[in-house]
N, C-alpha and C. Protein backbone atom coordinates (compact mmCIF):
# COMPACT_ATOMS: atom_id res chain seq x y z
N MET A 1 16.12 20.44 14.61
CA MET A 1 15.50 20.91 13.77
C MET A 1 13.78 19.79 12.98
N ALA A 2 14.26 19.08 13.97
CA ALA A 2 12.85 17.71 13.63
C ALA A 2 11.73 18.01 14.37
N ASP A 3 11.84 18.94 15.49
CA ASP A 3 10.97 19.44 16.08
C ASP A 3 10.28 21.13 15.59
N ALA A 4 11.09 21.82 14.34
CA ALA A 4 10.66 22.66 13.90
C ALA A 4 9.01 22.77 13.10
N GLN A 5 8.86 23.67 13.01
CA GLN A 5 7.32 23.32 12.79
C GLN A 5 7.23 23.39 10.86
N LYS A 6 6.72 23.07 10.50
CA LYS A 6 6.87 22.67 8.83
C LYS A 6 5.80 23.77 7.86
N VAL A 7 6.59 24.77 6.95
CA VAL A 7 5.78 25.71 6.24
C VAL A 7 6.36 25.78 4.92
N LEU A 8 4.83 25.43 4.56
CA LEU A 8 4.97 25.31 2.61
C LEU A 8 4.88 26.79 1.74
N ALA A 9 5.82 26.96 1.41
CA ALA A 9 5.60 28.70 0.61
C ALA A 9 5.95 27.82 -0.72
N ASN A 10 4.58 28.51 -1.50
CA ASN A 10 4.19 28.32 -2.59
C ASN A 10 4.42 29.88 -3.36
N GLN A 11 4.76 31.05 -3.14
CA GLN A 11 4.95 32.43 -3.62
C GLN A 11 5.92 33.26 -2.85
N VAL A 12 5.84 34.17 -3.77
CA VAL A 12 7.07 35.20 -3.50
C VAL A 12 7.16 36.69 -3.73
N SER A 13 7.09 37.55 -2.38
CA SER A 13 6.73 38.94 -2.98
C SER A 13 8.29 39.80 -2.85
N ASP A 14 8.71 40.60 -3.76
CA ASP A 14 9.37 42.15 -3.95
C ASP A 14 8.92 42.44 -2.55
N LYS A 15 10.48 43.21 -1.93
CA LYS A 15 10.28 43.43 -0.87
C LYS A 15 11.02 45.43 -1.37
N ARG A 16 9.84 46.78 -1.75
CA ARG A 16 9.91 47.47 -1.98
C ARG A 16 11.08 48.46 -0.84
N ALA A 17 11.42 49.22 -2.06
CA ALA A 17 12.78 50.02 -0.64
C ALA A 17 11.50 51.08 0.64
N ASP A 18 10.31 51.14 0.31
CA ASP A 18 9.52 52.03 1.01
C ASP A 18 8.71 50.81 2.45
N GLY A 19 9.82 49.41 2.25
CA GLY A 19 8.95 48.40 3.21
C GLY A 19 7.76 47.59 2.72
N SER A 20 7.38 47.94 2.05
CA SER A 20 5.71 47.41 1.55
C SER A 20 6.59 46.32 0.35
N PHE A 21 5.17 45.32 -0.11
CA PHE A 21 5.36 44.28 -0.52
C PHE A 21 4.78 44.22 -2.16
N THR A 22 5.56 43.47 -3.31
CA THR A 22 4.65 44.17 -4.15
C THR A 22 3.77 42.09 -4.73
N ASP A 23 3.26 42.55 -5.33
CA ASP A 23 2.03 41.27 -5.19
C ASP A 23 2.18 40.56 -5.22
N PRO A 24 2.82 39.21 -4.85
CA PRO A 24 2.55 38.00 -4.31
C PRO A 24 2.56 36.97 -5.89
N LEU A 25 3.71 36.11 -6.90
CA LEU A 25 4.36 35.11 -7.57
C LEU A 25 3.58 34.14 -7.55
N PRO A 26 3.01 33.13 -7.74
CA PRO A 26 3.34 32.41 -7.38
C PRO A 26 4.65 31.13 -8.15
N PHE A 27 5.38 30.26 -7.41
CA PHE A 27 6.19 29.41 -7.55
C PHE A 27 6.25 27.56 -7.88
N GLY A 28 4.49 27.47 -7.13
CA GLY A 28 4.09 26.08 -7.06
C GLY A 28 2.98 26.23 -7.64
N VAL A 29 2.54 24.58 -7.55
CA VAL A 29 1.00 24.80 -7.85
C VAL A 29 0.11 23.49 -6.82
N THR A 30 -0.97 24.16 -7.29
CA THR A 30 -1.54 23.10 -6.26
C THR A 30 -2.53 21.90 -7.05
N PHE A 31 -2.86 20.55 -6.22
CA PHE A 31 -2.96 19.83 -7.15
C PHE A 31 -4.26 20.26 -8.26
N GLU A 32 -5.66 21.12 -7.74
CA GLU A 32 -6.16 22.01 -8.84
C GLU A 32 -5.85 22.19 -9.86
N ASN A 33 -4.85 22.87 -9.10
CA ASN A 33 -4.00 23.74 -10.87
C ASN A 33 -3.16 23.45 -11.48
N VAL A 34 -3.01 21.79 -11.62
CA VAL A 34 -1.83 21.22 -12.68
C VAL A 34 -3.76 20.42 -13.47
N ILE A 35 -3.82 20.75 -14.48
CA ILE A 35 -4.20 20.28 -15.82
C ILE A 35 -3.91 19.36 -16.31
N ASP A 36 -4.78 18.35 -17.17
CA ASP A 36 -4.40 17.57 -17.94
C ASP A 36 -4.81 18.22 -19.73
N THR A 37 -4.25 18.60 -19.81
CA THR A 37 -4.54 19.59 -21.65
C THR A 37 -4.14 18.32 -22.32
N ARG A 38 -4.00 17.19 -22.64
CA ARG A 38 -3.95 16.40 -24.29
C ARG A 38 -5.50 16.69 -24.80
N GLU A 39 -5.38 16.04 -25.98
CA GLU A 39 -6.38 16.40 -26.51
C GLU A 39 -7.92 16.13 -26.94
N ASP A 40 -8.32 14.78 -25.96
CA ASP A 40 -9.07 14.33 -25.22
C ASP A 40 -10.39 15.31 -25.24
N GLY A 41 -9.31 16.59 -24.14
CA GLY A 41 -10.47 17.54 -23.94
C GLY A 41 -11.44 17.94 -23.00
N SER A 42 -10.51 16.74 -21.95
CA SER A 42 -11.25 16.00 -20.31
C SER A 42 -10.87 17.27 -19.67
N LYS A 43 -9.74 17.82 -20.23
CA LYS A 43 -9.39 19.19 -18.78
C LYS A 43 -9.57 17.92 -17.25
N ARG A 44 -9.00 17.04 -17.18
CA ARG A 44 -8.87 16.29 -15.30
C ARG A 44 -7.87 17.52 -14.61
N THR A 45 -7.83 17.86 -13.49
CA THR A 45 -7.53 18.17 -12.56
C THR A 45 -6.62 16.78 -11.70
N LEU A 46 -5.06 16.99 -11.44
CA LEU A 46 -4.40 16.20 -10.45
C LEU A 46 -5.35 15.87 -9.14
N ALA A 47 -6.10 16.65 -8.79
CA ALA A 47 -7.14 16.47 -7.27
C ALA A 47 -7.73 15.51 -8.26
N GLN A 48 -8.80 16.11 -9.03
CA GLN A 48 -10.08 14.87 -8.93
C GLN A 48 -9.26 13.45 -9.73
N PHE A 49 -7.71 13.45 -10.47
CA PHE A 49 -7.64 12.16 -10.71
C PHE A 49 -7.36 11.68 -8.79
N TYR A 50 -6.54 12.08 -8.33
CA TYR A 50 -5.93 11.81 -7.06
C TYR A 50 -7.74 10.91 -6.32
N ASP A 51 -8.41 12.59 -6.26
CA ASP A 51 -9.56 11.88 -5.23
C ASP A 51 -10.22 10.32 -6.23
N ASN A 52 -10.37 9.94 -7.33
CA ASN A 52 -10.43 9.05 -7.72
C ASN A 52 -10.07 7.74 -7.45
N TYR A 53 -8.96 8.13 -7.91
CA TYR A 53 -8.11 6.78 -7.90
C TYR A 53 -8.49 6.06 -5.78
N MET A 54 -7.88 7.44 -4.72
CA MET A 54 -8.15 7.29 -3.90
C MET A 54 -9.97 5.99 -3.55
N ALA A 55 -10.82 6.78 -4.02
CA ALA A 55 -11.64 6.34 -4.39
C ALA A 55 -12.03 4.85 -4.41
N PHE A 56 -11.29 4.70 -5.54
CA PHE A 56 -11.62 2.89 -6.49
C PHE A 56 -11.28 2.17 -4.93
N ILE A 57 -9.38 2.59 -5.02
CA ILE A 57 -8.60 1.96 -3.93
C ILE A 57 -9.65 1.89 -2.30
N ASN A 58 -10.11 2.46 -1.65
CA ASN A 58 -11.63 2.25 -0.63
C ASN A 58 -12.56 1.74 -0.70
N GLN A 59 -12.52 1.84 -2.19
CA GLN A 59 -14.61 1.01 -2.23
C GLN A 59 -14.21 -0.31 -3.07
N ALA A 60 -13.45 -0.19 -3.96
CA ALA A 60 -13.66 -0.95 -5.15
C ALA A 60 -13.30 -2.86 -4.25
N PRO A 61 -13.77 -3.69 -5.03
CA PRO A 61 -13.87 -5.17 -4.69
C PRO A 61 -12.70 -5.64 -4.93
N PHE A 62 -11.87 -6.22 -4.11
CA PHE A 62 -10.69 -6.81 -5.05
C PHE A 62 -10.44 -7.80 -4.92
N ILE A 63 -9.31 -9.46 -5.59
CA ILE A 63 -9.43 -10.26 -5.42
C ILE A 63 -8.06 -10.68 -4.96
N TYR A 64 -8.37 -12.25 -3.94
CA TYR A 64 -6.89 -12.67 -2.99
C TYR A 64 -6.64 -13.66 -3.42
N TYR A 65 -5.30 -14.17 -4.20
CA TYR A 65 -4.79 -15.18 -4.07
C TYR A 65 -3.54 -15.27 -2.96
N GLY A 66 -4.54 -16.51 -1.77
CA GLY A 66 -3.40 -17.13 -1.22
C GLY A 66 -3.63 -18.25 -0.56
N ASP A 67 -2.64 -18.24 0.62
CA ASP A 67 -3.02 -19.67 1.48
C ASP A 67 -3.54 -19.11 2.71
N THR A 68 -3.74 -17.52 3.02
CA THR A 68 -4.14 -17.45 4.71
C THR A 68 -4.70 -16.48 4.13
N GLN A 69 -6.07 -16.00 5.31
CA GLN A 69 -7.24 -15.49 4.78
C GLN A 69 -6.98 -14.23 5.27
N PRO A 70 -7.49 -13.19 4.07
CA PRO A 70 -7.01 -12.06 3.99
C PRO A 70 -7.11 -11.15 5.59
N GLU A 71 -6.93 -9.61 5.35
CA GLU A 71 -7.56 -9.17 6.88
C GLU A 71 -8.36 -7.73 6.55
N ASN A 72 -7.85 -7.72 4.65
CA ASN A 72 -8.39 -6.53 4.02
C ASN A 72 -9.88 -6.31 3.90
N PRO A 73 -11.00 -5.85 4.24
CA PRO A 73 -12.41 -6.01 4.80
C PRO A 73 -12.68 -5.31 2.60
N HIS A 74 -11.18 -4.59 1.97
CA HIS A 74 -12.58 -4.90 0.55
C HIS A 74 -11.63 -6.33 -0.19
N ILE A 75 -11.35 -7.45 0.40
CA ILE A 75 -11.41 -8.69 -0.41
C ILE A 75 -13.07 -9.29 -0.49
N LYS A 76 -13.16 -9.39 -2.14
CA LYS A 76 -14.40 -9.60 -2.26
C LYS A 76 -14.53 -10.99 -2.04
N LEU A 77 -13.74 -11.82 -2.49
CA LEU A 77 -13.34 -12.98 -3.29
C LEU A 77 -11.52 -13.49 -3.24
N TRP A 78 -11.97 -14.33 -1.76
CA TRP A 78 -10.70 -15.72 -1.59
C TRP A 78 -10.64 -16.33 -2.07
N ILE A 79 -9.28 -16.26 -3.12
CA ILE A 79 -8.31 -17.54 -3.93
C ILE A 79 -7.97 -18.40 -2.25
N ASP A 80 -8.21 -19.24 -1.61
CA ASP A 80 -7.77 -20.11 -1.00
C ASP A 80 -6.17 -21.26 -1.60
N THR A 81 -5.49 -20.68 -1.78
CA THR A 81 -4.35 -21.78 -2.17
C THR A 81 -4.17 -22.62 -1.65
N ALA A 82 -3.80 -22.61 -0.07
CA ALA A 82 -3.42 -23.68 0.97
C ALA A 82 -4.33 -24.97 0.64
N HIS A 83 -5.20 -25.55 0.03
CA HIS A 83 -5.93 -25.99 -0.59
C HIS A 83 -6.97 -26.55 -1.60
N ASP A 84 -7.00 -27.28 -2.95
CA ASP A 84 -7.85 -27.97 -3.85
C ASP A 84 -8.38 -28.49 -3.75
N ASN A 85 -9.63 -28.96 -5.09
CA ASN A 85 -10.98 -28.88 -4.86
C ASN A 85 -10.74 -31.05 -4.54
N GLN A 86 -9.06 -31.24 -4.97
CA GLN A 86 -9.60 -32.62 -4.63
C GLN A 86 -8.97 -32.84 -3.26
N SER A 87 -8.40 -31.84 -2.29
CA SER A 87 -7.89 -31.95 -0.83
C SER A 87 -9.17 -33.20 -0.29
N GLU A 88 -10.34 -33.30 0.03
CA GLU A 88 -11.48 -34.01 0.91
C GLU A 88 -11.63 -34.56 0.27
N LEU A 89 -10.81 -35.58 -0.91
CA LEU A 89 -11.14 -36.59 -1.23
C LEU A 89 -10.25 -37.67 -0.96
N ILE A 90 -9.13 -37.81 -0.43
CA ILE A 90 -8.01 -38.16 0.09
C ILE A 90 -8.54 -38.68 1.65
């Protein structure tokens, strides 16, 4: 079954006696159709939330605390915990 093609089903139709199908009825939703309807009136979709989140993760500068140099290109400030400001005085 690992090689089987995956199919996403999000609607269903009834088959009539004559072999034709009724208009499809959706039973799932897309990101664009999940809407925040809370009282603030923003009406944001799940797609907008996801797109903004991914833009933040991929573009925002981050701060890293650690004793090894970070490899992530989004780290803009590295707090090196392997040394302190007194290390060079001894």
